[in-house]
Amino acid sequence: MSKTSKLSSVNKCVRTMNKLCKPHQDMNWVEPGHFHMGSTEHYADEAPVHKVTVAGFWMDATTVTNAQFSVFVEATGYVTVAERPLNPADFPGADPLLLVPGSLVFNMTAGPVDLRDVSNWWSYVPGACWHRPEGLNSGIDGRLDHPVVQIAFEDAQAYATWVGKELPTEAEWEYAARGGLDGKPYVWGDDFKPRGKIMAKTWQGDFPWRNKAKKKLARTAPVGSYPSNGYGLYDMAGNVWQWTTDWFVSHHSEKETTSCCTLDNPRGPSVSESYDPQQPNIKIPRKVVKGGSFLCAPSYCRRYRPAARHAQMIDSGMSHIGFRCIERTKSLTQENL
């Protein structure tokens, strides 16, 4: 396929003053409404539960794929964060041999390990990036329909801007993920495996050393491999974590439950609150990622739920982090808080 034909396949919405067109053939409408955000049943950072109102928006039916990201890079010459040299000032005390372009890669272990130490299965691999997701000897041939990974927040934003879209807030993402099923623990309802059916790309077995999944034991699946939710959105649980624009703090704001009114399109805390208190020497802010990934398992990470959330430093992509875009019908400003 020629560069011109590839670029023509990435459609942009055309708007007029009186008519709203569908912004992309692969986007679905998420109707406006309200829902109960968060959970008190699992991890502390998901609490407290609070009521939120969200304006309607269009959302990509799937996460952005390797094929789509390839078009962006070919058209713009964009270089992802993982492909750039690291700044030693951002990583005080780090081994100089690790301050080369690369990213974090997951590796299955030979047997059971201490689950408190993530270095047992994560390692920094020089050369790992979006088109070499496991390092220099890997590639994306045969995976063009898989979600693009090894994507830092800046990379996701750059792509979204190029296609004329935006990244979702945490509230928008969680509302869309629920697909109209307010208060349910899973995207599809009450049971993790309804009638024994696997509903998402998650780890099947003993993490991180034994996986009962039939194919590609420690890798993503093609987008749309599992059933969609009530809004026709795929992979809102499992496969890859997805970036949101909210800065991360260890719990939802207490003011969100004491307010007299339902929150309207909340946008999260300030960047100053997002630094990791456990790593005071590292001044890299963190964003909220949502959805869980192919590495989430009942025995270790039960974050394949819409209320689940995780902190991710904005400069880091990993083997299990991707993104999807939205297009709003109106802009969010500080007035929406």
Protein backbone atom coordinates (compact mmCIF):
# COMPACT_ATOMS: atom_id res chain seq x y z
CA MET A 1 0.00 0.00 0.00
CA SER A 2 1.37 3.45 -0.90
CA LYS A 3 1.99 6.17 1.64
CA THR A 4 -0.82 8.25 0.12
CA SER A 5 -3.37 5.47 0.34
CA LYS A 6 -2.31 4.68 3.91
CA LEU A 7 -2.76 8.27 4.94
CA SER A 8 -6.14 8.49 3.26
CA SER A 9 -7.30 5.57 5.39
CA VAL A 10 -6.90 7.66 8.55
CA ASN A 11 -10.09 9.68 8.46
CA LYS A 12 -10.77 12.91 10.30
CA CYS A 13 -14.11 14.30 11.33
CA VAL A 14 -15.48 17.24 9.36
CA ARG A 15 -17.63 19.58 11.41
CA THR A 16 -19.91 22.45 10.45
CA MET A 17 -21.77 24.91 12.63
CA ASN A 18 -25.05 23.02 12.25
CA LYS A 19 -24.08 19.40 11.70
CA LEU A 20 -21.97 16.93 13.66
CA CYS A 21 -20.58 14.14 11.54
CA LYS A 22 -19.25 10.87 12.86
CA PRO A 23 -15.56 11.64 13.49
CA HIS A 24 -14.15 8.27 12.43
CA GLN A 25 -15.56 5.12 10.91
CA ASP A 26 -14.00 3.13 13.76
CA MET A 27 -15.39 5.21 16.62
CA ASN A 28 -18.53 4.62 18.64
CA TRP A 29 -20.81 7.10 20.37
CA VAL A 30 -20.81 7.10 24.17
CA GLU A 31 -24.04 8.75 25.25
CA PRO A 32 -24.04 11.37 28.02
CA GLY A 33 -25.08 10.27 31.47
CA HIS A 34 -24.00 9.67 35.03
CA PHE A 35 -22.51 6.73 36.91
CA HIS A 36 -20.91 5.71 40.18
CA MET A 37 -17.16 5.96 39.73
CA GLY A 38 -14.73 3.87 41.77
CA SER A 39 -15.09 0.88 44.07
CA THR A 40 -14.62 -0.06 47.73
CA GLU A 41 -14.44 -3.80 47.06
CA HIS A 42 -10.87 -4.24 45.81
CA TYR A 43 -7.88 -1.86 45.96
CA ALA A 44 -7.74 1.22 48.21
CA ASP A 45 -6.84 3.57 45.36
CA GLU A 46 -10.23 2.92 43.74
CA ALA A 47 -12.15 4.50 46.64
CA PRO A 48 -14.29 6.33 47.47
CA VAL A 49 -17.26 5.64 45.21
CA HIS A 50 -18.71 8.91 43.93
CA LYS A 51 -21.32 9.99 41.42
CA VAL A 52 -20.12 11.58 38.19
CA THR A 53 -21.85 13.09 35.16
CA VAL A 54 -20.12 12.76 31.80
CA ALA A 55 -20.90 14.56 28.54
CA GLY A 56 -21.29 12.46 25.42
CA PHE A 57 -18.28 11.76 23.20
CA TRP A 58 -16.97 9.51 20.45
CA MET A 59 -14.44 6.83 21.41
CA ASP A 60 -12.23 4.57 19.33
CA ALA A 61 -13.83 1.13 19.18
CA THR A 62 -10.41 -0.42 19.75
CA THR A 63 -7.05 0.61 21.08
CA VAL A 64 -4.70 2.16 18.53
CA THR A 65 -2.98 -0.61 16.57
CA ASN A 66 0.56 -1.06 15.31
CA ALA A 67 -0.75 -0.46 11.78
CA GLN A 68 -2.35 2.85 12.74
CA PHE A 69 0.68 4.05 14.67
CA SER A 70 2.91 3.09 11.74
CA VAL A 71 0.96 5.45 9.49
CA PHE A 72 1.48 8.27 12.00
CA VAL A 73 5.23 7.68 12.25
CA GLU A 74 5.62 7.36 8.48
CA ALA A 75 3.76 10.61 7.90
CA THR A 76 5.45 12.69 10.60
CA GLY A 77 8.82 11.12 11.33
CA TYR A 78 7.86 11.05 14.99
CA VAL A 79 10.39 9.47 17.38
CA THR A 80 8.89 7.92 20.50
CA VAL A 81 10.20 8.48 24.01
CA ALA A 82 11.62 4.94 24.14
CA GLU A 83 13.74 5.69 21.07
CA ARG A 84 15.35 8.81 22.57
CA PRO A 85 18.41 9.01 24.86
CA LEU A 86 17.64 9.22 28.58
CA ASN A 87 18.49 12.24 30.71
CA PRO A 88 20.74 11.14 33.63
CA ALA A 89 19.32 13.96 35.78
CA ASP A 90 15.93 12.25 35.71
CA PHE A 91 17.37 9.01 37.10
CA PRO A 92 19.77 9.82 39.95
CA GLY A 93 21.97 6.87 40.87
CA ALA A 94 20.97 4.82 37.83
CA ASP A 95 23.46 2.51 36.13
CA PRO A 96 24.91 4.48 33.17
CA LEU A 97 24.66 1.33 31.06
CA LEU A 98 20.89 1.56 31.39
CA LEU A 99 20.71 5.18 30.25
CA VAL A 100 20.32 4.23 26.61
CA PRO A 101 17.16 4.17 24.49
CA GLY A 102 14.94 1.25 25.43
CA SER A 103 11.96 0.26 27.52
CA LEU A 104 10.62 -2.19 30.08
CA VAL A 105 9.86 -5.68 28.83
CA PHE A 106 7.98 -8.49 30.54
CA ASN A 107 9.59 -11.92 30.84
CA MET A 108 7.93 -15.06 32.13
CA THR A 109 9.80 -16.64 35.02
CA ALA A 110 10.89 -20.26 35.27
CA GLY A 111 8.85 -20.84 38.40
CA PRO A 112 7.13 -19.13 41.35
CA VAL A 113 8.75 -15.88 42.53
CA ASP A 114 8.21 -13.23 45.20
CA LEU A 115 5.27 -11.21 43.85
CA ARG A 116 6.36 -8.19 45.87
CA ASP A 117 9.39 -7.70 43.63
CA VAL A 118 8.39 -6.72 40.09
CA SER A 119 12.02 -6.89 38.95
CA ASN A 120 11.52 -10.66 38.89
CA TRP A 121 9.57 -10.27 35.64
CA TRP A 122 10.29 -6.76 34.35
CA SER A 123 13.63 -5.74 32.88
CA TYR A 124 14.92 -2.70 31.02
CA VAL A 125 15.81 -3.80 27.49
CA PRO A 126 17.94 -1.52 25.28
CA GLY A 127 16.34 -1.02 21.89
CA ALA A 128 12.83 -1.99 22.99
CA CYS A 129 10.28 0.39 21.47
CA TRP A 130 6.93 0.36 19.70
CA HIS A 131 8.18 -1.45 16.57
CA ARG A 132 10.56 -3.70 18.54
CA PRO A 133 8.39 -4.36 21.58
CA GLU A 134 10.60 -7.04 23.15
CA GLY A 135 13.95 -5.59 22.04
CA LEU A 136 16.24 -5.49 19.02
CA ASN A 137 15.48 -9.04 17.88
CA SER A 138 11.70 -8.56 17.91
CA GLY A 139 9.29 -6.84 15.54
CA ILE A 140 5.65 -6.23 14.73
CA ASP A 141 5.36 -8.33 11.59
CA GLY A 142 2.28 -10.45 12.11
CA ARG A 143 1.10 -8.07 14.83
CA LEU A 144 -0.14 -5.09 12.83
CA ASP A 145 -3.64 -5.64 14.24
CA HIS A 146 -2.36 -5.79 17.83
CA PRO A 147 -2.41 -2.74 20.09
CA VAL A 148 0.71 -0.62 19.83
CA VAL A 149 2.73 -0.84 23.07
CA GLN A 150 5.88 0.72 24.55
CA ILE A 151 4.03 4.03 24.31
CA ALA A 152 4.74 6.85 26.77
CA PHE A 153 2.08 9.45 27.54
CA GLU A 154 3.75 12.00 25.27
CA ASP A 155 3.61 9.52 22.38
CA ALA A 156 -0.09 8.87 22.88
CA GLN A 157 -0.80 12.59 23.00
CA ALA A 158 1.20 13.22 19.84
CA TYR A 159 -0.76 10.59 17.91
CA ALA A 160 -4.10 11.87 19.24
CA THR A 161 -3.27 15.42 18.19
CA TRP A 162 -2.23 14.28 14.72
CA VAL A 163 -5.53 12.52 14.06
CA GLY A 164 -7.52 15.44 15.48
CA LYS A 165 -8.60 13.68 18.64
CA GLU A 166 -7.80 13.66 22.36
CA LEU A 167 -7.07 11.22 25.14
CA PRO A 168 -9.89 10.50 27.62
CA THR A 169 -10.06 11.59 31.22
CA GLU A 170 -10.22 8.83 33.81
CA ALA A 171 -13.94 9.51 34.32
CA GLU A 172 -14.67 9.37 30.59
CA TRP A 173 -12.70 6.14 30.24
CA GLU A 174 -14.38 4.40 33.18
CA TYR A 175 -17.84 5.54 32.13
CA ALA A 176 -17.26 4.25 28.60
CA ALA A 177 -15.81 0.98 29.88
CA ARG A 178 -18.92 0.24 31.92
CA GLY A 179 -21.00 0.33 28.75
CA GLY A 180 -24.14 1.30 30.64
CA LEU A 181 -23.69 -1.30 33.41
CA ASP A 182 -23.37 1.06 36.36
CA GLY A 183 -22.09 -0.53 39.54
CA LYS A 184 -21.06 -3.85 37.99
CA PRO A 185 -17.59 -5.20 38.86
CA TYR A 186 -16.73 -6.16 35.28
CA VAL A 187 -17.22 -4.59 31.88
CA TRP A 188 -19.60 -7.43 30.98
CA GLY A 189 -21.46 -7.84 34.30
CA ASP A 190 -21.17 -9.62 37.63
CA ASP A 191 -19.10 -12.73 36.91
CA PHE A 192 -15.46 -12.87 35.82
CA LYS A 193 -16.12 -15.92 33.64
CA PRO A 194 -19.84 -16.05 32.86
CA ARG A 195 -20.75 -19.67 32.12
CA GLY A 196 -17.03 -20.42 32.06
CA LYS A 197 -16.34 -18.07 29.13
CA ILE A 198 -13.14 -16.00 29.06
CA MET A 199 -14.20 -12.44 28.26
CA ALA A 200 -10.86 -10.62 28.00
CA LYS A 201 -7.18 -11.12 27.30
CA THR A 202 -5.88 -11.75 30.82
CA TRP A 203 -3.38 -14.10 32.43
CA GLN A 204 -4.81 -17.59 32.79
CA GLY A 205 -2.86 -19.42 35.48
CA ASP A 206 -0.14 -18.77 38.04
CA PHE A 207 1.50 -15.40 37.46
CA PRO A 208 4.22 -14.84 36.24
CA TRP A 209 5.41 -18.32 35.40
CA ARG A 210 2.53 -20.46 34.18
CA ASN A 211 -0.09 -19.32 31.70
CA LYS A 212 -2.84 -21.62 30.46
CA ALA A 213 -3.77 -19.35 27.56
CA LYS A 214 -3.59 -21.21 24.26
CA LYS A 215 -1.69 -18.69 22.14
CA LYS A 216 1.16 -16.22 22.64
CA LEU A 217 1.47 -16.84 26.35
CA ALA A 218 2.90 -13.48 27.34
CA ARG A 219 1.81 -11.18 24.54
CA THR A 220 -1.08 -9.03 23.40
CA ALA A 221 -3.98 -10.32 21.32
CA PRO A 222 -5.31 -8.72 18.12
CA VAL A 223 -7.70 -5.90 18.96
CA GLY A 224 -11.34 -6.95 19.05
CA SER A 225 -10.59 -10.60 19.84
CA TYR A 226 -13.11 -10.64 22.70
CA PRO A 227 -16.72 -9.44 22.98
CA SER A 228 -17.42 -5.71 23.00
CA ASN A 229 -19.23 -3.92 25.80
CA GLY A 230 -22.59 -2.15 25.70
CA TYR A 231 -21.16 0.76 23.71
CA GLY A 232 -19.53 -1.51 21.15
CA LEU A 233 -16.05 -0.88 22.59
CA TYR A 234 -13.50 -3.69 22.56
CA ASP A 235 -10.77 -4.52 25.07
CA MET A 236 -11.93 -2.19 27.82
CA ALA A 237 -10.63 -4.93 30.11
CA GLY A 238 -7.35 -6.74 29.60
CA ASN A 239 -4.96 -6.81 26.64
CA VAL A 240 -3.25 -3.46 27.38
CA TRP A 241 -3.48 -0.71 29.96
CA GLN A 242 -4.67 2.57 28.46
CA TRP A 243 -3.50 6.11 29.14
CA THR A 244 -5.85 8.77 30.51
CA THR A 245 -5.15 12.47 31.03
CA ASP A 246 -5.71 12.46 34.82
CA TRP A 247 -2.76 12.84 37.16
CA PHE A 248 -2.57 9.96 39.62
CA VAL A 249 -3.11 10.17 43.38
CA SER A 250 -3.57 7.18 45.66
CA HIS A 251 -7.33 7.62 46.01
CA HIS A 252 -10.18 9.60 44.55
CA SER A 253 -10.58 13.01 46.18
CA GLU A 254 -12.58 13.03 49.41
CA LYS A 255 -14.35 16.19 48.25
CA GLU A 256 -15.92 14.09 45.54
CA THR A 257 -18.10 12.30 48.10
CA THR A 258 -18.84 15.29 50.32
CA SER A 259 -19.93 17.62 47.54
CA CYS A 260 -23.61 18.46 47.46
CA CYS A 261 -23.77 17.81 43.76
CA THR A 262 -22.81 15.24 41.17
CA LEU A 263 -19.41 16.03 39.66
CA ASP A 264 -19.60 17.25 36.08
CA ASN A 265 -16.82 15.98 33.78
CA PRO A 266 -14.11 15.79 36.49
CA ARG A 267 -10.50 16.07 35.39
CA GLY A 268 -8.59 14.79 38.40
CA PRO A 269 -5.95 16.34 40.69
CA SER A 270 -3.02 18.62 39.90
CA VAL A 271 0.36 17.46 38.64
CA SER A 272 2.00 18.42 41.94
CA GLU A 273 0.07 15.64 43.69
CA SER A 274 1.13 12.93 41.25
CA TYR A 275 4.74 12.29 42.24
CA ASP A 276 5.48 8.94 43.85
CA PRO A 277 5.97 9.46 47.62
CA GLN A 278 7.88 6.18 47.77
CA GLN A 279 10.50 7.56 45.35
CA PRO A 280 11.10 11.17 46.47
CA ASN A 281 14.27 11.52 44.38
CA ILE A 282 12.44 10.81 41.12
CA LYS A 283 10.56 13.89 39.99
CA ILE A 284 8.57 12.35 37.17
CA PRO A 285 4.79 12.82 37.45
CA ARG A 286 2.38 9.96 37.00
CA LYS A 287 -0.83 9.57 35.00
CA VAL A 288 -3.71 7.16 35.54
CA VAL A 289 -3.82 4.14 33.25
CA LYS A 290 -6.96 2.02 33.10
CA GLY A 291 -8.22 -1.36 31.98
CA GLY A 292 -5.63 -3.88 33.09
CA SER A 293 -3.69 -6.01 30.64
CA PHE A 294 -2.78 -9.49 29.46
CA LEU A 295 -0.65 -9.73 32.61
CA CYS A 296 -3.51 -9.27 35.07
CA ALA A 297 -4.48 -12.46 36.90
CA PRO A 298 -6.78 -13.38 39.80
CA SER A 299 -3.68 -14.53 41.69
CA TYR A 300 -1.83 -11.22 41.34
CA CYS A 301 -3.45 -8.23 39.62
CA ARG A 302 -7.24 -8.10 39.61
CA ARG A 303 -7.28 -4.83 37.71
CA TYR A 304 -9.27 -6.03 34.68
CA ARG A 305 -12.25 -4.07 36.07
CA PRO A 306 -13.57 -0.63 35.05
CA ALA A 307 -12.99 0.85 38.52
CA ALA A 308 -9.38 -0.34 38.63
CA ARG A 309 -6.61 2.19 38.14
CA HIS A 310 -2.84 2.24 38.17
CA ALA A 311 -0.08 4.86 38.30
CA GLN A 312 2.32 5.17 35.39
CA MET A 313 5.22 7.61 35.05
CA ILE A 314 4.62 9.72 31.98
CA ASP A 315 8.04 9.02 30.47
CA SER A 316 7.67 5.24 30.44
CA GLY A 317 6.05 2.81 28.07
CA MET A 318 5.95 -0.92 28.78
CA SER A 319 5.05 -4.21 27.09
CA HIS A 320 1.45 -3.87 28.25
CA ILE A 321 0.59 -0.16 27.86
CA GLY A 322 -1.28 1.31 24.90
CA PHE A 323 -4.07 3.84 24.38
CA ARG A 324 -7.21 4.83 22.53
CA CYS A 325 -8.59 8.21 21.56
CA ILE A 326 -11.84 10.11 21.90
CA GLU A 327 -13.46 13.09 20.24
CA ARG A 328 -15.60 15.36 22.36
CA THR A 329 -18.61 17.36 21.24
CA LYS A 330 -17.46 20.22 23.47
CA SER A 331 -14.19 21.20 25.06
CA LEU A 332 -13.45 20.47 28.70
CA THR A 333 -12.15 23.47 30.61
CA GLN A 334 -11.61 24.34 34.24
CA GLU A 335 -15.21 25.55 34.24
CA ASN A 336 -16.30 21.92 33.91
CA LEU A 337 -14.81 20.96 37.30
